[in-house]
């Protein structure tokens, strides 16, 4: 008798713990008599109509990968729901591969694509999504972190600590740009954990304001300059400011004048790596401190890509082994179209349609709550 096939793919940016999800999902599926295949490069070949690259996964293939960083299946940012043709190509290719169950590992965009594939397949392919992003911006139960975030924060904190020591030793300032498109969680977490001088996140300027509110570049510059000035007055003319890159998406339009070559991914997002936010802030802060007669050396450093494929810490390994196992159990028990989460030690599937923002039709994102005690505590330790 022909075995049912479970396929696994990864979409979006890397996050520590991906391989652990792949391993636990594959092992549970194999233990239940399924054939398991990994699809390389996310939705890329599926959506284009090209022959997908696959690998048949065995126990031996996945037995020890849970401790490794990166993704053995690679990843891509291809949007399978960009057109009706893309969706049809995905369903056609998965059907040809004999896929009965599909586990996707990704953030809000990958999850959104999976919802559309499940709809298009009309019940013939059951889909479960395992949420991952170092940005920590998905609305999980009990405010649980997205997998990969804790590892990224831990590794990022070590880098910030080193730069703090360099700043103290050399008497200079660093402006660090941290990943985080929709949420300042990573920037804030690294700042608080390392004891950096201050963090600047978009939520400070936007929370509770109309959706079309923009951030003035001068407000960000003045926040950093104020910290530099206060520290100098206290006799400590050095420090580290951690800035969430998501500020770029909310800057007033004229702030990006002169950056005509900024590109977008297949989901329509500005490629934040194309925007030299650190350099823009560095130059503006240098000009502002010079204007007020303060001599300061200001340097910039981006932190992000070096975090995404780090070896997962024990927290993320433990967490992701539960999520991968839970995804397969959910599918085998007849479920489909849900995000797999963990709450109070139990697997909790969240219906994907319940996570959609009715205004945008996209998965809702979670931002830092600036009214929370955790934010207020972080802010109380900053110099502002």
Protein backbone atom coordinates (compact mmCIF):
# COMPACT_ATOMS: atom_id res chain seq x y z
CA UNK A 1 0.00 0.00 0.00
CA UNK A 2 1.31 3.44 -0.93
CA UNK A 3 2.20 5.60 2.03
CA UNK A 4 0.88 9.14 2.48
CA UNK A 5 3.54 11.81 1.98
CA UNK A 6 4.33 14.67 4.32
CA UNK A 7 6.33 17.57 2.86
CA UNK A 8 8.28 20.19 4.79
CA UNK A 9 9.41 23.58 3.47
CA UNK A 10 10.91 26.76 4.90
CA UNK A 11 10.06 30.33 3.88
CA UNK A 12 11.29 33.80 4.81
CA UNK A 13 14.47 34.68 6.65
CA UNK A 14 16.44 32.08 8.63
CA UNK A 15 15.94 31.70 12.39
CA UNK A 16 17.76 29.48 14.91
CA UNK A 17 15.79 26.28 15.43
CA UNK A 18 14.57 25.60 11.89
CA UNK A 19 16.46 22.32 11.64
CA UNK A 20 15.05 21.21 14.97
CA UNK A 21 11.50 21.65 13.64
CA UNK A 22 12.42 19.73 10.48
CA UNK A 23 13.92 16.91 12.55
CA UNK A 24 11.07 16.55 15.03
CA UNK A 25 8.38 16.75 12.34
CA UNK A 26 10.18 14.21 10.16
CA UNK A 27 10.78 11.77 13.03
CA UNK A 28 7.15 11.87 14.20
CA UNK A 29 5.90 11.44 10.63
CA UNK A 30 8.26 8.50 9.98
CA UNK A 31 7.23 6.92 13.28
CA UNK A 32 3.65 7.00 11.97
CA UNK A 33 4.46 5.33 8.68
CA UNK A 34 4.51 8.41 6.45
CA UNK A 35 6.92 9.12 3.64
CA UNK A 36 8.69 12.43 4.35
CA UNK A 37 10.17 14.79 1.77
CA UNK A 38 11.89 18.12 2.21
CA UNK A 39 11.29 20.77 -0.44
CA UNK A 40 14.28 23.01 -1.08
CA UNK A 41 14.06 26.81 -1.46
CA UNK A 42 10.64 27.35 0.08
CA UNK A 43 7.90 28.14 -2.43
CA UNK A 44 10.35 29.23 -5.13
CA UNK A 45 10.12 26.35 -7.61
CA UNK A 46 6.59 25.38 -6.57
CA UNK A 47 5.22 28.83 -7.44
CA UNK A 48 7.16 29.26 -10.67
CA UNK A 49 6.04 25.98 -12.17
CA UNK A 50 9.60 24.64 -12.27
CA UNK A 51 10.45 21.12 -11.13
CA UNK A 52 10.87 21.38 -7.35
CA UNK A 53 14.09 20.18 -5.77
CA UNK A 54 13.32 17.65 -3.06
CA UNK A 55 15.04 15.24 -0.72
CA UNK A 56 13.51 12.16 0.85
CA UNK A 57 14.23 12.36 4.57
CA UNK A 58 15.11 9.36 6.71
CA UNK A 59 15.82 8.98 10.41
CA UNK A 60 19.54 9.08 9.65
CA UNK A 61 19.20 12.36 7.72
CA UNK A 62 17.62 14.24 10.61
CA UNK A 63 18.82 12.48 13.76
CA UNK A 64 21.37 15.15 14.82
CA UNK A 65 20.41 18.26 12.90
CA UNK A 66 18.41 19.77 15.78
CA UNK A 67 21.54 21.34 17.29
CA UNK A 68 22.61 23.08 14.07
CA UNK A 69 21.89 26.54 12.72
CA UNK A 70 20.58 27.47 9.28
CA UNK A 71 18.19 25.36 7.25
CA UNK A 72 19.09 22.08 5.59
CA UNK A 73 16.24 22.82 3.14
CA UNK A 74 17.44 26.37 2.52
CA UNK A 75 14.74 29.05 2.22
CA UNK A 76 13.35 31.79 -0.02
CA UNK A 77 11.01 34.77 0.17
CA UNK A 78 8.89 33.72 -2.82
CA UNK A 79 5.22 34.66 -2.42
CA UNK A 80 3.05 31.71 -3.54
CA UNK A 81 -0.08 33.86 -3.38
CA UNK A 82 1.21 36.67 -5.58
CA UNK A 83 -0.96 35.51 -8.47
CA UNK A 84 -3.61 32.89 -9.10
CA UNK A 85 -1.15 31.18 -11.43
CA UNK A 86 1.43 30.92 -8.65
CA UNK A 87 -1.12 29.30 -6.36
CA UNK A 88 -2.26 26.86 -9.04
CA UNK A 89 1.38 25.96 -9.73
CA UNK A 90 1.96 25.23 -6.04
CA UNK A 91 -1.09 23.00 -5.69
CA UNK A 92 -0.32 21.22 -8.97
CA UNK A 93 3.32 20.54 -7.98
CA UNK A 94 2.42 19.33 -4.49
CA UNK A 95 -0.27 17.06 -5.91
CA UNK A 96 2.19 15.64 -8.44
CA UNK A 97 4.59 14.88 -5.58
CA UNK A 98 1.78 13.00 -3.85
CA UNK A 99 1.77 15.37 -0.88
CA UNK A 100 -1.10 14.78 1.54
CA UNK A 101 0.29 16.84 4.40
CA UNK A 102 2.37 20.04 4.27
CA UNK A 103 4.33 21.56 7.16
CA UNK A 104 5.57 25.09 6.49
CA UNK A 105 8.09 26.86 8.71
CA UNK A 106 8.07 30.63 8.48
CA UNK A 107 6.87 34.02 9.59
CA UNK A 108 3.72 35.94 8.75
CA UNK A 109 4.32 35.92 4.99
CA UNK A 110 5.04 32.18 4.78
CA UNK A 111 1.99 31.52 6.93
CA UNK A 112 -0.18 33.75 4.74
CA UNK A 113 0.97 31.81 1.66
CA UNK A 114 0.12 28.51 3.36
CA UNK A 115 -3.42 29.69 4.08
CA UNK A 116 -3.95 30.39 0.40
CA UNK A 117 -2.53 27.02 -0.67
CA UNK A 118 -4.84 25.24 1.77
CA UNK A 119 -7.83 27.13 0.35
CA UNK A 120 -6.82 26.42 -3.24
CA UNK A 121 -6.29 22.72 -2.57
CA UNK A 122 -9.87 22.37 -1.34
CA UNK A 123 -9.04 19.96 1.46
CA UNK A 124 -6.85 17.64 -0.60
CA UNK A 125 -3.71 18.95 1.12
CA UNK A 126 -3.73 19.54 4.87
CA UNK A 127 -1.46 22.36 6.03
CA UNK A 128 0.14 23.17 9.38
CA UNK A 129 2.38 26.20 9.91
CA UNK A 130 5.15 26.50 12.49
CA UNK A 131 5.83 30.20 13.25
CA UNK A 132 9.41 31.45 13.27
CA UNK A 133 11.02 34.84 13.24
CA UNK A 134 13.79 36.48 15.24
CA UNK A 135 11.64 39.64 15.11
CA UNK A 136 9.22 38.14 17.68
CA UNK A 137 6.28 39.80 15.93
CA UNK A 138 3.62 37.09 15.65
CA UNK A 139 0.59 37.12 18.00
CA UNK A 140 1.23 33.90 19.94
CA UNK A 141 -0.69 32.83 23.07
CA UNK A 142 0.54 33.97 26.49
CA UNK A 143 2.85 36.44 24.73
CA UNK A 144 5.15 33.48 23.98
CA UNK A 145 8.25 34.32 21.91
CA UNK A 146 8.52 33.17 18.33
CA UNK A 147 11.15 30.49 17.97
CA UNK A 148 14.59 31.80 17.13
CA UNK A 149 14.07 35.04 19.03
CA UNK A 150 15.67 33.88 22.27
CA UNK A 151 18.78 32.64 20.48
CA UNK A 152 19.02 35.82 18.42
CA UNK A 153 18.65 37.95 21.54
CA UNK A 154 21.32 35.93 23.37
CA UNK A 155 23.84 36.14 20.53
CA UNK A 156 23.00 39.79 19.86
CA UNK A 157 23.42 40.63 23.54
CA UNK A 158 26.96 39.26 23.47
CA UNK A 159 27.79 41.49 20.51
CA UNK A 160 26.29 44.55 22.19
CA UNK A 161 28.24 43.80 25.39
CA UNK A 162 31.47 43.73 23.39
CA UNK A 163 30.64 47.03 21.70
CA UNK A 164 29.77 48.55 25.07
CA UNK A 165 33.25 47.65 26.29
CA UNK A 166 34.80 49.06 23.12
CA UNK A 167 32.78 52.27 23.56
CA UNK A 168 33.97 52.62 27.15
CA UNK A 169 37.57 51.84 26.27
CA UNK A 170 37.78 54.25 23.34
CA UNK A 171 35.38 56.94 24.49
CA UNK A 172 33.06 56.69 21.50
CA UNK A 173 29.41 56.02 20.64
CA UNK A 174 27.95 53.19 18.59
CA UNK A 175 24.62 53.33 16.82
CA UNK A 176 23.51 49.72 16.36
CA UNK A 177 20.77 48.88 13.86
CA UNK A 178 18.91 45.73 14.93
CA UNK A 179 16.57 43.61 12.82
CA UNK A 180 12.85 44.01 13.39
CA UNK A 181 10.54 45.13 10.58
CA UNK A 182 7.23 45.25 12.46
CA UNK A 183 8.41 45.10 16.06
CA UNK A 184 11.16 46.64 18.17
CA UNK A 185 11.26 43.54 20.36
CA UNK A 186 14.75 42.37 19.36
CA UNK A 187 16.29 45.83 19.69
CA UNK A 188 14.67 46.32 23.10
CA UNK A 189 15.58 42.80 24.27
CA UNK A 190 19.24 43.19 23.30
CA UNK A 191 19.43 46.62 24.90
CA UNK A 192 17.84 45.53 28.17
CA UNK A 193 19.85 42.30 28.44
CA UNK A 194 23.21 43.91 27.63
CA UNK A 195 22.57 47.09 29.61
CA UNK A 196 23.03 49.30 26.54
CA UNK A 197 22.57 53.04 26.92
CA UNK A 198 19.24 53.24 25.12
CA UNK A 199 16.97 51.58 22.56
CA UNK A 200 14.82 53.45 20.07
CA UNK A 201 11.88 51.49 18.65
CA UNK A 202 9.02 52.54 16.35
CA UNK A 203 6.35 51.72 18.93
CA UNK A 204 7.48 54.72 21.01
CA UNK A 205 6.35 57.05 18.24
CA UNK A 206 3.39 55.09 16.84
CA UNK A 207 1.49 53.20 19.52
CA UNK A 208 -1.96 54.66 20.06
CA UNK A 209 -1.61 56.94 17.04
CA UNK A 210 -3.48 56.83 13.69
CA UNK A 211 -2.27 54.16 11.24
CA UNK A 212 -0.83 56.77 8.86
CA UNK A 213 1.38 58.40 11.53
CA UNK A 214 4.95 58.91 10.37
CA UNK A 215 8.20 59.23 12.33
CA UNK A 216 10.30 62.35 11.83
CA UNK A 217 13.97 61.48 11.38
CA UNK A 218 14.80 64.51 13.53
CA UNK A 219 12.92 62.95 16.48
CA UNK A 220 15.10 59.83 16.33
CA UNK A 221 18.24 61.95 15.97
CA UNK A 222 17.25 64.17 18.91
CA UNK A 223 16.57 61.12 21.10
CA UNK A 224 20.08 59.78 20.46
CA UNK A 225 21.67 63.24 20.75
CA UNK A 226 19.88 63.84 24.04
CA UNK A 227 21.37 60.66 25.46
CA UNK A 228 24.86 61.62 24.25
CA UNK A 229 24.52 65.07 25.80
CA UNK A 230 23.27 63.74 29.13
CA UNK A 231 26.01 61.12 29.34
CA UNK A 232 28.66 63.74 28.55
CA UNK A 233 27.32 65.94 31.34
CA UNK A 234 27.61 62.95 33.70
CA UNK A 235 31.26 62.46 32.73
CA UNK A 236 30.67 59.32 30.62
CA UNK A 237 31.15 60.47 27.01
CA UNK A 238 30.45 57.07 25.45
CA UNK A 239 27.59 54.65 24.93
CA UNK A 240 25.60 52.35 22.67
CA UNK A 241 22.21 53.12 21.14
CA UNK A 242 20.24 50.18 19.70
CA UNK A 243 17.80 51.20 16.95
CA UNK A 244 15.08 48.96 15.48
CA UNK A 245 15.34 48.90 11.68
CA UNK A 246 11.54 48.98 11.39
CA UNK A 247 11.70 52.72 11.98
CA UNK A 248 12.54 52.98 8.26
CA UNK A 249 9.04 51.82 7.26
CA UNK A 250 7.47 54.71 9.16
CA UNK A 251 9.82 57.57 8.35
CA UNK A 252 8.32 60.64 6.73
CA UNK A 253 8.63 60.28 2.91
CA UNK A 254 11.28 62.99 2.54
CA UNK A 255 13.60 61.14 4.94
CA UNK A 256 14.39 58.63 2.18
CA UNK A 257 15.02 61.20 -0.55
CA UNK A 258 18.08 60.23 -2.54
CA UNK A 259 17.59 56.48 -2.09
CA UNK A 260 15.94 55.70 -5.42
CA UNK A 261 17.50 52.24 -5.69
CA UNK A 262 15.65 50.78 -2.71
CA UNK A 263 14.13 47.45 -3.82
CA UNK A 264 11.18 45.40 -2.57
CA UNK A 265 10.70 41.67 -2.07
CA UNK A 266 7.88 39.60 -3.58
CA UNK A 267 5.57 40.55 -0.72
CA UNK A 268 6.05 44.26 -1.47
CA UNK A 269 8.22 44.96 1.59
CA UNK A 270 11.06 47.47 1.32
CA UNK A 271 14.35 45.57 1.55
CA UNK A 272 15.52 47.19 4.75
CA UNK A 273 19.10 46.14 4.08
CA UNK A 274 19.06 48.56 1.12
CA UNK A 275 18.38 51.52 3.41
CA UNK A 276 21.58 52.72 5.15
CA UNK A 277 19.73 53.77 8.31
CA UNK A 278 22.85 53.53 10.46
CA UNK A 279 24.82 55.85 8.19
CA UNK A 280 21.93 58.32 7.93
CA UNK A 281 21.59 58.47 11.72
CA UNK A 282 25.35 58.60 12.29
CA UNK A 283 25.80 61.57 9.97
CA UNK A 284 22.78 63.38 11.40
CA UNK A 285 23.90 62.82 15.00
CA UNK A 286 27.43 63.97 14.16
CA UNK A 287 26.01 67.17 12.65
CA UNK A 288 23.69 67.73 15.62
CA UNK A 289 26.37 67.26 18.28
CA UNK A 290 28.74 69.53 16.35
CA UNK A 291 25.99 72.13 16.20
CA UNK A 292 25.69 72.17 19.99
CA UNK A 293 29.47 72.21 20.46
CA UNK A 294 29.92 68.62 21.63
CA UNK A 295 32.87 66.59 20.32
CA UNK A 296 31.78 63.00 19.82
CA UNK A 297 32.99 60.05 17.78
CA UNK A 298 29.97 58.17 16.43
CA UNK A 299 30.19 54.85 14.56
CA UNK A 300 27.50 52.52 13.26
CA UNK A 301 27.04 48.75 13.22
CA UNK A 302 24.25 46.56 11.80
CA UNK A 303 23.36 43.44 13.79
CA UNK A 304 21.04 40.92 12.21
CA UNK A 305 22.40 38.54 9.61
CA UNK A 306 24.94 37.16 12.08
CA UNK A 307 22.07 36.14 14.39
CA UNK A 308 19.79 34.28 11.99
CA UNK A 309 21.81 31.10 11.48
CA UNK A 310 23.35 30.86 14.94
CA UNK A 311 23.27 27.49 16.71
CA UNK A 312 20.02 27.47 18.69
CA UNK A 313 20.27 27.71 22.45
CA UNK A 314 18.64 24.99 24.56
CA UNK A 315 15.42 27.00 24.93
CA UNK A 316 14.83 27.13 21.18
CA UNK A 317 15.80 23.47 20.65
CA UNK A 318 13.34 22.35 23.32
CA UNK A 319 10.65 24.70 22.01
CA UNK A 320 11.01 23.71 18.35
CA UNK A 321 11.06 19.98 19.00
CA UNK A 322 7.63 20.40 20.58
CA UNK A 323 6.36 22.53 17.69
CA UNK A 324 7.51 20.12 14.96
CA UNK A 325 6.02 17.14 16.77
CA UNK A 326 2.81 19.10 17.40
CA UNK A 327 2.45 20.04 13.73
CA UNK A 328 2.48 16.40 12.64
CA UNK A 329 0.13 15.26 15.40
CA UNK A 330 -2.28 18.04 14.44
CA UNK A 331 -2.29 16.92 10.79
CA UNK A 332 -2.63 13.21 11.59
CA UNK A 333 -5.59 13.96 13.83
CA UNK A 334 -7.42 15.57 10.93
CA UNK A 335 -6.48 19.21 11.40
CA UNK A 336 -5.52 21.73 8.73
CA UNK A 337 -5.04 25.45 8.24
CA UNK A 338 -3.60 26.32 11.63
CA UNK A 339 -0.57 27.91 13.20
CA UNK A 340 1.03 25.52 15.72
CA UNK A 341 1.79 27.15 19.07
CA UNK A 342 2.67 26.09 22.60
CA UNK A 343 0.76 27.32 25.64
CA UNK A 344 1.26 26.11 29.21
CA UNK A 345 3.06 23.01 27.96
CA UNK A 346 0.33 22.05 25.49
CA UNK A 347 0.14 22.27 21.71
CA UNK A 348 -2.44 24.88 20.74
CA UNK A 349 -3.38 25.18 17.03
CA UNK A 350 -4.58 28.65 16.05
CA UNK A 351 -6.86 28.85 13.01
CA UNK A 352 -5.12 30.90 10.36
CA UNK A 353 -8.28 32.78 9.41
CA UNK A 354 -8.59 33.95 13.02
CA UNK A 355 -5.14 35.51 12.80
CA UNK A 356 -5.90 37.64 9.74
CA UNK A 357 -6.23 41.40 10.08
CA UNK A 358 -9.63 42.21 8.51
CA UNK A 359 -8.27 45.52 7.18
CA UNK A 360 -5.28 44.07 5.35
CA UNK A 361 -6.19 40.40 4.89
CA UNK A 362 -2.71 39.55 6.21
CA UNK A 363 -1.56 37.83 9.39
CA UNK A 364 -1.66 40.26 12.32
CA UNK A 365 1.66 41.24 13.81
CA UNK A 366 2.60 41.82 17.44
CA UNK A 367 4.44 44.94 18.53
CA UNK A 368 6.06 45.96 21.80
CA UNK A 369 3.48 47.18 24.30
CA UNK A 370 4.98 50.42 25.63
CA UNK A 371 2.43 50.46 28.47
CA UNK A 372 3.72 47.12 29.84
CA UNK A 373 5.87 46.77 32.94
CA UNK A 374 8.60 45.01 30.94
CA UNK A 375 8.94 48.01 28.63
CA UNK A 376 8.83 50.51 31.50
CA UNK A 377 11.55 48.60 33.34
CA UNK A 378 13.74 48.54 30.21
CA UNK A 379 13.20 52.26 29.73
CA UNK A 380 14.03 53.05 33.36
CA UNK A 381 17.56 51.71 32.83
CA UNK A 382 18.20 53.83 29.74
CA UNK A 383 19.83 57.24 29.60
CA UNK A 384 17.40 59.47 27.74
